[in-house]
């Protein structure tokens, strides 16, 4: 009898051990932010699916599903969104959920943005950058609700977008506001009200993370760096071709280069500029929190501009330069295990609705006609988008695939002697 009891007990313990081991094994293989950020098999991109000149007309779930299939074909596995006050974020969750049901192998994860403002932001009143908007609480609550409802999709919450940088004069807040909400979300994790594997960050300009002007290097920023699970920094050599053009302008040289060689050389310097800003942030962040991961939450290059970055300005805007920057950033970040949320997947025309040629409308890799820009021409050649459509249009190449026609619009950077 004792042998039977002993044997039964042994079998029970063995069964429990096997079950626990199986659960732990599944948990260790779970898709979590810590494992996918910096993983070159999980390419990241910024996503907005708006087609019209106003955000009042939001993309439908079926339109978002079209976009998800296109991005998945490109190898994109992580999306970045910017706010939850519109339906697009919740509709994105529904779209991804439906695609996962239709195809269990479909993978798409989200860095969910919660927009943060100061008091009086975007009104006719003077913004008060020391006091936050009353709407921030609601925005955080909406983000928490989506993270709870879709834990298999939402892997990161980003508190604010360029919300601490002072050139965002309409809405920026002090770091203590971002810190408050980051701590709130971290406390929800400790209370098991959010998954402990959900990573919390804030996505902001390199300067806001201490990589530029030392005035940003405050005690509150130090606390924020310690509080986030990782630092999400932005770098934009594109904008700096106007605002900080020393690296971009052509200087007198005895070496004569062709126009294409000159552009290629300029884009190498643009890449180096981005790397320097990343390294400057890393130097500061590591001095405070040595093991803190740092990823690129946003960078990009517009293909059209009639303003500061166009032919009468820094001449930075065309599809050739965009393609060079996209490919060099993908190569560099993959090599260094840095996630890079390239801005952005598709052109959106609401951002500068009164100016069709405004640069903010043209950061996408695919335009509103369903045409892949030069950065993606090779994918079109390789039938990456076969049987996929956007708004009823097959994905084709811009310029009808005529690279010579495209290159006619490529301008070399201005000489250093030209005054802006």
Protein backbone atom coordinates (compact mmCIF):
# COMPACT_ATOMS: atom_id res chain seq x y z
CA UNK A 1 0.00 0.00 0.00
CA UNK A 2 2.85 2.36 0.91
CA UNK A 3 4.50 1.62 -2.45
CA UNK A 4 1.29 2.51 -4.28
CA UNK A 5 0.98 5.79 -2.37
CA UNK A 6 4.64 6.59 -2.95
CA UNK A 7 4.36 5.80 -6.66
CA UNK A 8 1.22 7.91 -7.01
CA UNK A 9 2.89 10.78 -5.19
CA UNK A 10 5.96 10.48 -7.42
CA UNK A 11 3.83 10.50 -10.57
CA UNK A 12 1.90 13.55 -9.33
CA UNK A 13 5.10 15.48 -8.61
CA UNK A 14 6.50 14.50 -12.02
CA UNK A 15 3.31 15.65 -13.74
CA UNK A 16 3.33 18.97 -11.90
CA UNK A 17 6.99 19.49 -12.75
CA UNK A 18 6.35 18.82 -16.43
CA UNK A 19 3.37 21.19 -16.48
CA UNK A 20 5.32 23.95 -14.75
CA UNK A 21 8.25 23.41 -17.09
CA UNK A 22 5.92 23.63 -20.07
CA UNK A 23 4.34 26.85 -18.78
CA UNK A 24 7.74 28.39 -18.05
CA UNK A 25 9.01 27.34 -21.46
CA UNK A 26 6.04 28.98 -23.17
CA UNK A 27 6.52 32.08 -21.03
CA UNK A 28 10.21 32.27 -21.91
CA UNK A 29 9.29 32.15 -25.57
CA UNK A 30 6.59 34.82 -25.23
CA UNK A 31 6.75 37.81 -27.55
CA UNK A 32 7.67 40.69 -25.27
CA UNK A 33 9.21 44.10 -25.88
CA UNK A 34 12.52 43.10 -24.32
CA UNK A 35 12.97 40.38 -26.95
CA UNK A 36 11.71 42.14 -30.06
CA UNK A 37 13.24 45.60 -29.63
CA UNK A 38 16.63 45.55 -31.30
CA UNK A 39 15.83 42.26 -33.04
CA UNK A 40 16.43 42.70 -36.80
CA UNK A 41 13.74 40.09 -37.47
CA UNK A 42 11.19 42.54 -36.06
CA UNK A 43 11.44 45.64 -38.22
CA UNK A 44 9.67 48.72 -36.86
CA UNK A 45 7.88 51.61 -38.54
CA UNK A 46 5.63 54.55 -37.65
CA UNK A 47 2.07 54.06 -38.84
CA UNK A 48 -0.81 56.35 -39.63
CA UNK A 49 -3.47 55.18 -42.06
CA UNK A 50 -5.21 58.48 -42.76
CA UNK A 51 -5.98 58.96 -46.46
CA UNK A 52 -7.81 62.29 -46.43
CA UNK A 53 -6.94 65.91 -45.64
CA UNK A 54 -8.58 65.73 -42.24
CA UNK A 55 -8.39 63.27 -39.36
CA UNK A 56 -12.14 63.59 -39.08
CA UNK A 57 -12.24 60.94 -41.83
CA UNK A 58 -10.56 57.97 -40.18
CA UNK A 59 -9.32 54.84 -41.94
CA UNK A 60 -11.76 51.95 -41.76
CA UNK A 61 -10.87 48.57 -40.28
CA UNK A 62 -10.77 47.07 -43.78
CA UNK A 63 -8.40 49.83 -44.95
CA UNK A 64 -6.15 49.24 -41.95
CA UNK A 65 -6.13 45.52 -42.68
CA UNK A 66 -4.94 46.30 -46.22
CA UNK A 67 -2.12 48.37 -44.74
CA UNK A 68 -1.17 45.63 -42.28
CA UNK A 69 -0.85 43.06 -45.05
CA UNK A 70 1.40 45.41 -47.02
CA UNK A 71 3.61 46.15 -44.03
CA UNK A 72 3.78 42.51 -43.04
CA UNK A 73 4.96 41.65 -46.56
CA UNK A 74 7.74 44.22 -46.08
CA UNK A 75 8.92 42.42 -42.95
CA UNK A 76 7.46 45.00 -40.54
CA UNK A 77 6.46 43.46 -37.22
CA UNK A 78 6.25 46.47 -34.84
CA UNK A 79 4.16 49.61 -35.40
CA UNK A 80 4.30 52.91 -33.61
CA UNK A 81 1.13 54.95 -33.10
CA UNK A 82 0.77 58.44 -31.61
CA UNK A 83 -2.47 58.89 -29.72
CA UNK A 84 -5.59 57.12 -28.53
CA UNK A 85 -8.13 59.94 -28.63
CA UNK A 86 -9.10 58.96 -32.17
CA UNK A 87 -10.60 55.64 -33.24
CA UNK A 88 -7.62 54.71 -35.40
CA UNK A 89 -5.71 53.13 -32.50
CA UNK A 90 -8.61 50.94 -31.35
CA UNK A 91 -9.51 50.07 -34.95
CA UNK A 92 -5.87 49.06 -35.49
CA UNK A 93 -6.21 46.57 -32.61
CA UNK A 94 -9.38 45.15 -34.13
CA UNK A 95 -7.74 44.88 -37.56
CA UNK A 96 -4.68 43.06 -36.21
CA UNK A 97 -6.88 40.76 -34.10
CA UNK A 98 -8.98 39.83 -37.14
CA UNK A 99 -5.87 39.14 -39.22
CA UNK A 100 -4.49 36.90 -36.46
CA UNK A 101 -7.75 34.94 -36.45
CA UNK A 102 -7.64 34.61 -40.22
CA UNK A 103 -4.00 33.55 -40.14
CA UNK A 104 -2.56 32.29 -36.80
CA UNK A 105 0.95 32.99 -38.11
CA UNK A 106 0.27 36.68 -38.66
CA UNK A 107 2.44 38.84 -36.41
CA UNK A 108 2.11 42.54 -35.70
CA UNK A 109 2.84 44.32 -32.42
CA UNK A 110 2.28 47.89 -31.33
CA UNK A 111 4.13 50.65 -29.52
CA UNK A 112 1.03 52.54 -28.39
CA UNK A 113 1.44 56.29 -28.15
CA UNK A 114 -0.41 58.37 -25.55
CA UNK A 115 -0.41 62.04 -26.56
CA UNK A 116 0.59 64.52 -23.83
CA UNK A 117 -0.08 68.28 -23.91
CA UNK A 118 0.44 71.31 -21.71
CA UNK A 119 -2.45 73.45 -20.50
CA UNK A 120 -4.03 75.58 -23.27
CA UNK A 121 -2.27 73.58 -26.00
CA UNK A 122 -3.66 74.09 -29.51
CA UNK A 123 -6.00 76.88 -28.38
CA UNK A 124 -6.11 80.65 -28.81
CA UNK A 125 -4.82 80.95 -25.23
CA UNK A 126 -1.14 81.14 -24.30
CA UNK A 127 0.23 77.62 -23.66
CA UNK A 128 1.27 77.10 -20.05
CA UNK A 129 4.24 74.75 -20.28
CA UNK A 130 4.48 74.32 -16.50
CA UNK A 131 0.98 72.88 -16.11
CA UNK A 132 -0.34 69.87 -17.99
CA UNK A 133 -3.58 69.57 -19.91
CA UNK A 134 -6.58 68.12 -18.10
CA UNK A 135 -6.95 65.74 -21.05
CA UNK A 136 -3.73 63.86 -20.30
CA UNK A 137 -5.40 61.73 -17.63
CA UNK A 138 -8.06 60.57 -20.09
CA UNK A 139 -5.43 59.79 -22.71
CA UNK A 140 -3.44 57.62 -20.30
CA UNK A 141 -6.60 55.84 -19.20
CA UNK A 142 -7.48 55.04 -22.83
CA UNK A 143 -3.98 53.68 -23.44
CA UNK A 144 -4.20 51.51 -20.33
CA UNK A 145 -7.57 50.14 -21.43
CA UNK A 146 -6.22 49.12 -24.84
CA UNK A 147 -3.10 47.57 -23.32
CA UNK A 148 -5.30 45.50 -20.98
CA UNK A 149 -7.68 44.44 -23.73
CA UNK A 150 -4.99 43.56 -26.28
CA UNK A 151 -1.92 42.37 -24.30
CA UNK A 152 -0.93 40.08 -27.17
CA UNK A 153 -0.60 43.15 -29.44
CA UNK A 154 0.38 46.13 -27.27
CA UNK A 155 3.96 45.58 -26.11
CA UNK A 156 4.98 49.18 -25.35
CA UNK A 157 3.28 52.37 -24.18
CA UNK A 158 5.00 55.65 -25.09
CA UNK A 159 4.02 58.59 -22.89
CA UNK A 160 4.08 61.63 -25.15
CA UNK A 161 5.56 62.37 -28.55
CA UNK A 162 8.18 65.13 -28.68
CA UNK A 163 6.39 66.42 -25.61
CA UNK A 164 9.47 67.73 -23.78
CA UNK A 165 11.35 69.48 -26.60
CA UNK A 166 11.02 73.25 -26.43
CA UNK A 167 10.62 73.85 -30.15
CA UNK A 168 7.22 72.11 -29.82
CA UNK A 169 5.94 75.50 -28.69
CA UNK A 170 2.24 74.68 -29.03
CA UNK A 171 2.18 71.91 -26.44
CA UNK A 172 5.44 70.88 -24.73
CA UNK A 173 5.50 70.02 -21.03
CA UNK A 174 8.20 69.79 -18.39
CA UNK A 175 9.87 66.39 -17.82
CA UNK A 176 8.11 66.09 -14.44
CA UNK A 177 4.79 65.62 -16.27
CA UNK A 178 6.11 62.74 -18.35
CA UNK A 179 7.76 61.29 -15.24
CA UNK A 180 4.45 61.42 -13.39
CA UNK A 181 2.66 59.31 -15.99
CA UNK A 182 5.57 56.92 -16.55
CA UNK A 183 5.64 56.25 -12.81
CA UNK A 184 1.87 55.79 -12.83
CA UNK A 185 2.12 53.11 -15.51
CA UNK A 186 5.05 51.42 -13.80
CA UNK A 187 3.01 51.29 -10.58
CA UNK A 188 0.13 49.65 -12.45
CA UNK A 189 2.60 46.96 -13.53
CA UNK A 190 3.70 46.44 -9.92
CA UNK A 191 0.05 46.11 -8.90
CA UNK A 192 -0.50 43.49 -11.65
CA UNK A 193 -2.99 45.80 -13.34
CA UNK A 194 -0.77 45.82 -16.43
CA UNK A 195 1.54 43.09 -17.68
CA UNK A 196 4.97 43.31 -16.08
CA UNK A 197 6.39 42.61 -19.55
CA UNK A 198 4.79 45.76 -20.98
CA UNK A 199 7.58 48.31 -21.51
CA UNK A 200 7.02 51.98 -20.72
CA UNK A 201 8.90 54.81 -22.41
CA UNK A 202 8.54 58.34 -23.74
CA UNK A 203 9.43 59.09 -27.36
CA UNK A 204 11.21 62.40 -27.77
CA UNK A 205 13.82 64.43 -29.59
CA UNK A 206 17.49 63.59 -28.98
CA UNK A 207 17.89 66.95 -27.18
CA UNK A 208 15.12 66.09 -24.73
CA UNK A 209 17.09 63.01 -23.71
CA UNK A 210 20.16 65.07 -22.85
CA UNK A 211 21.97 64.59 -26.14
CA UNK A 212 22.15 68.27 -27.03
CA UNK A 213 21.78 71.50 -25.10
CA UNK A 214 22.76 70.93 -21.47
CA UNK A 215 19.75 72.94 -20.30
CA UNK A 216 17.72 69.75 -20.82
CA UNK A 217 19.94 67.80 -18.42
CA UNK A 218 17.85 68.27 -15.27
CA UNK A 219 17.20 66.21 -12.14
CA UNK A 220 13.72 65.37 -13.39
CA UNK A 221 15.18 64.04 -16.64
CA UNK A 222 17.58 61.88 -14.63
CA UNK A 223 14.62 60.45 -12.72
CA UNK A 224 12.76 59.86 -15.98
CA UNK A 225 15.70 58.01 -17.51
CA UNK A 226 15.76 55.71 -14.49
CA UNK A 227 11.98 55.24 -14.60
CA UNK A 228 11.51 54.20 -18.26
CA UNK A 229 12.20 50.67 -19.45
CA UNK A 230 14.10 52.08 -22.40
CA UNK A 231 14.84 55.42 -24.03
CA UNK A 232 13.06 56.17 -27.32
CA UNK A 233 14.95 58.99 -29.08
CA UNK A 234 14.33 60.87 -32.33
CA UNK A 235 16.94 62.00 -34.84
CA UNK A 236 16.27 64.00 -38.01
CA UNK A 237 19.26 64.85 -40.20
CA UNK A 238 16.63 65.79 -42.79
CA UNK A 239 15.42 68.77 -40.74
CA UNK A 240 18.96 69.66 -39.78
CA UNK A 241 19.85 70.21 -43.44
CA UNK A 242 18.14 73.55 -42.82
CA UNK A 243 18.48 74.23 -39.10
CA UNK A 244 22.02 72.93 -38.64
CA UNK A 245 23.37 72.68 -42.20
CA UNK A 246 27.14 72.61 -41.66
CA UNK A 247 27.30 68.85 -42.24
CA UNK A 248 25.15 69.13 -45.34
CA UNK A 249 26.44 72.03 -47.39
CA UNK A 250 29.08 71.55 -50.08
CA UNK A 251 32.43 73.11 -49.28
CA UNK A 252 35.15 74.01 -51.78
CA UNK A 253 37.34 71.02 -52.58
CA UNK A 254 40.01 70.08 -55.06
CA UNK A 255 38.26 66.76 -55.58
CA UNK A 256 35.68 66.96 -58.35
CA UNK A 257 32.68 64.71 -57.89
CA UNK A 258 29.75 64.04 -60.17
CA UNK A 259 26.33 65.21 -58.99
CA UNK A 260 25.39 61.67 -57.97
CA UNK A 261 28.67 61.18 -56.11
CA UNK A 262 28.12 64.50 -54.33
CA UNK A 263 24.64 63.44 -53.22
CA UNK A 264 25.93 60.03 -52.11
CA UNK A 265 28.64 61.71 -50.04
CA UNK A 266 26.09 64.05 -48.48
CA UNK A 267 23.88 61.14 -47.46
CA UNK A 268 26.82 59.40 -45.82
CA UNK A 269 27.25 62.56 -43.73
CA UNK A 270 23.52 62.51 -42.94
CA UNK A 271 23.87 58.97 -41.64
CA UNK A 272 26.88 59.97 -39.56
CA UNK A 273 24.87 62.90 -38.18
CA UNK A 274 22.14 60.51 -36.99
CA UNK A 275 24.72 58.19 -35.43
CA UNK A 276 26.31 61.10 -33.57
CA UNK A 277 23.00 62.20 -32.10
CA UNK A 278 22.32 58.62 -30.99
CA UNK A 279 25.78 58.36 -29.43
CA UNK A 280 25.41 61.73 -27.71
CA UNK A 281 22.19 60.52 -26.10
CA UNK A 282 23.82 57.22 -25.17
CA UNK A 283 26.73 59.00 -23.48
CA UNK A 284 24.39 61.00 -21.27
CA UNK A 285 21.88 58.22 -20.57
CA UNK A 286 24.57 55.66 -19.72
CA UNK A 287 26.11 58.10 -17.24
CA UNK A 288 22.82 57.90 -15.31
CA UNK A 289 21.59 54.38 -16.03
CA UNK A 290 24.45 52.32 -17.57
CA UNK A 291 22.32 49.39 -18.73
CA UNK A 292 19.36 51.37 -20.08
CA UNK A 293 18.47 50.28 -23.65
CA UNK A 294 18.21 53.04 -26.25
CA UNK A 295 16.25 52.71 -29.49
CA UNK A 296 15.28 55.12 -32.25
CA UNK A 297 11.61 55.98 -31.86
CA UNK A 298 11.51 58.12 -34.97
CA UNK A 299 13.62 59.14 -37.94
CA UNK A 300 12.77 59.70 -41.57
CA UNK A 301 13.31 61.57 -44.81
CA UNK A 302 10.65 63.33 -46.91
CA UNK A 303 10.59 62.88 -50.67
CA UNK A 304 8.93 66.21 -51.57
CA UNK A 305 9.12 69.74 -50.20
CA UNK A 306 8.40 73.18 -51.63
CA UNK A 307 9.70 74.85 -48.49
CA UNK A 308 12.80 74.78 -46.30
CA UNK A 309 13.95 71.40 -47.62
CA UNK A 310 13.09 71.87 -51.29
CA UNK A 311 14.98 73.22 -54.28
CA UNK A 312 14.92 76.78 -52.93
CA UNK A 313 16.13 75.58 -49.55
CA UNK A 314 18.43 72.74 -48.51
CA UNK A 315 17.50 70.59 -51.56
CA UNK A 316 17.19 67.55 -49.33
CA UNK A 317 13.85 66.26 -50.59
CA UNK A 318 13.63 63.54 -53.23
CA UNK A 319 13.09 59.81 -53.43
CA UNK A 320 16.73 58.99 -54.14
CA UNK A 321 17.97 60.61 -50.91
CA UNK A 322 15.08 59.09 -48.97
CA UNK A 323 16.02 55.63 -50.24
CA UNK A 324 19.69 56.06 -49.35
CA UNK A 325 18.80 57.19 -45.83
CA UNK A 326 16.24 54.43 -45.32
CA UNK A 327 18.64 51.70 -46.37
CA UNK A 328 21.63 53.06 -44.46
CA UNK A 329 19.59 53.43 -41.26
CA UNK A 330 18.22 49.92 -41.57
CA UNK A 331 21.74 48.56 -42.09
CA UNK A 332 23.33 50.47 -39.22
CA UNK A 333 20.57 49.80 -36.68
CA UNK A 334 20.35 46.10 -37.53
CA UNK A 335 24.12 45.73 -37.09
CA UNK A 336 23.95 47.45 -33.70
CA UNK A 337 20.72 45.79 -32.53
CA UNK A 338 18.82 49.06 -32.36
CA UNK A 339 15.13 49.21 -33.23
CA UNK A 340 14.41 51.99 -35.72
CA UNK A 341 10.82 53.19 -36.10
CA UNK A 342 11.20 54.74 -39.53
CA UNK A 343 8.83 57.60 -40.18
CA UNK A 344 6.67 56.61 -41.90
CA UNK A 345 4.88 53.81 -43.72
CA UNK A 346 2.41 55.78 -45.89
CA UNK A 347 2.07 59.40 -46.95
CA UNK A 348 -0.63 61.30 -45.04
CA UNK A 349 -2.02 64.57 -46.36
CA UNK A 350 -3.78 65.88 -43.25
CA UNK A 351 -0.50 67.07 -41.72
CA UNK A 352 -0.19 70.02 -44.09
CA UNK A 353 -3.63 69.96 -45.66
CA UNK A 354 -3.36 73.47 -47.16
CA UNK A 355 -0.10 72.74 -48.96
CA UNK A 356 -0.02 69.61 -51.09
CA UNK A 357 3.77 69.85 -51.46
CA UNK A 358 4.49 70.41 -47.78
CA UNK A 359 7.21 68.06 -46.57
CA UNK A 360 5.13 66.70 -43.68
CA UNK A 361 2.80 65.10 -46.24
CA UNK A 362 5.58 63.12 -47.91
CA UNK A 363 7.55 61.10 -45.37
CA UNK A 364 5.85 57.84 -46.37
CA UNK A 365 7.53 55.01 -48.25
CA UNK A 366 4.29 54.49 -50.19
CA UNK A 367 2.31 57.44 -51.56
CA UNK A 368 -1.43 58.00 -51.65
CA UNK A 369 -1.64 56.58 -55.17
CA UNK A 370 -0.49 53.22 -53.91
CA UNK A 371 2.95 53.71 -55.47
CA UNK A 372 6.07 52.44 -53.76
CA UNK A 373 8.79 55.07 -53.63
CA UNK A 374 12.33 54.36 -54.78
CA UNK A 375 13.34 52.83 -51.42
CA UNK A 376 10.91 49.97 -52.11
CA UNK A 377 11.34 49.47 -55.85
CA UNK A 378 13.36 46.31 -55.29
CA UNK A 379 10.48 44.87 -53.30
CA UNK A 380 8.14 45.54 -56.20
CA UNK A 381 10.63 43.78 -58.51
CA UNK A 382 10.69 40.82 -56.12
CA UNK A 383 6.88 40.57 -56.14
CA UNK A 384 6.73 41.36 -52.42
CA UNK A 385 3.36 43.05 -52.90
CA UNK A 386 1.88 40.42 -55.22
CA UNK A 387 -1.91 40.18 -54.80
CA UNK A 388 -1.89 43.10 -52.35
CA UNK A 389 -3.75 46.34 -52.95
CA UNK A 390 -4.27 49.66 -51.21
CA UNK A 391 -7.56 51.41 -51.85
CA UNK A 392 -8.15 49.16 -54.85
CA UNK A 393 -4.75 49.96 -56.39
CA UNK A 394 -1.99 47.46 -57.05
CA UNK A 395 1.32 48.53 -55.50
CA UNK A 396 3.47 49.83 -58.36
CA UNK A 397 6.58 52.01 -58.63
CA UNK A 398 6.67 55.78 -58.67
CA UNK A 399 7.88 57.34 -61.94
CA UNK A 400 6.61 54.15 -63.64
CA UNK A 401 9.89 52.62 -62.55
CA UNK A 402 11.95 55.02 -64.69
CA UNK A 403 15.02 55.70 -62.54
CA UNK A 404 16.48 58.16 -65.04
CA UNK A 405 13.34 60.27 -64.82
CA UNK A 406 13.51 60.11 -61.04
CA UNK A 407 17.16 61.20 -60.99
CA UNK A 408 16.32 64.33 -62.98
CA UNK A 409 14.63 65.66 -59.83
CA UNK A 410 17.61 64.96 -57.57
CA UNK A 411 19.47 68.12 -56.61
CA UNK A 412 22.86 68.42 -54.97
CA UNK A 413 23.08 70.23 -51.61
CA UNK A 414 23.80 73.98 -51.83
CA UNK A 415 27.31 75.32 -51.39
CA UNK A 416 28.37 76.70 -48.03
CA UNK A 417 28.47 80.19 -49.51
CA UNK A 418 24.71 80.25 -50.13
CA UNK A 419 22.85 82.16 -47.45
CA UNK A 420 19.58 80.74 -46.14
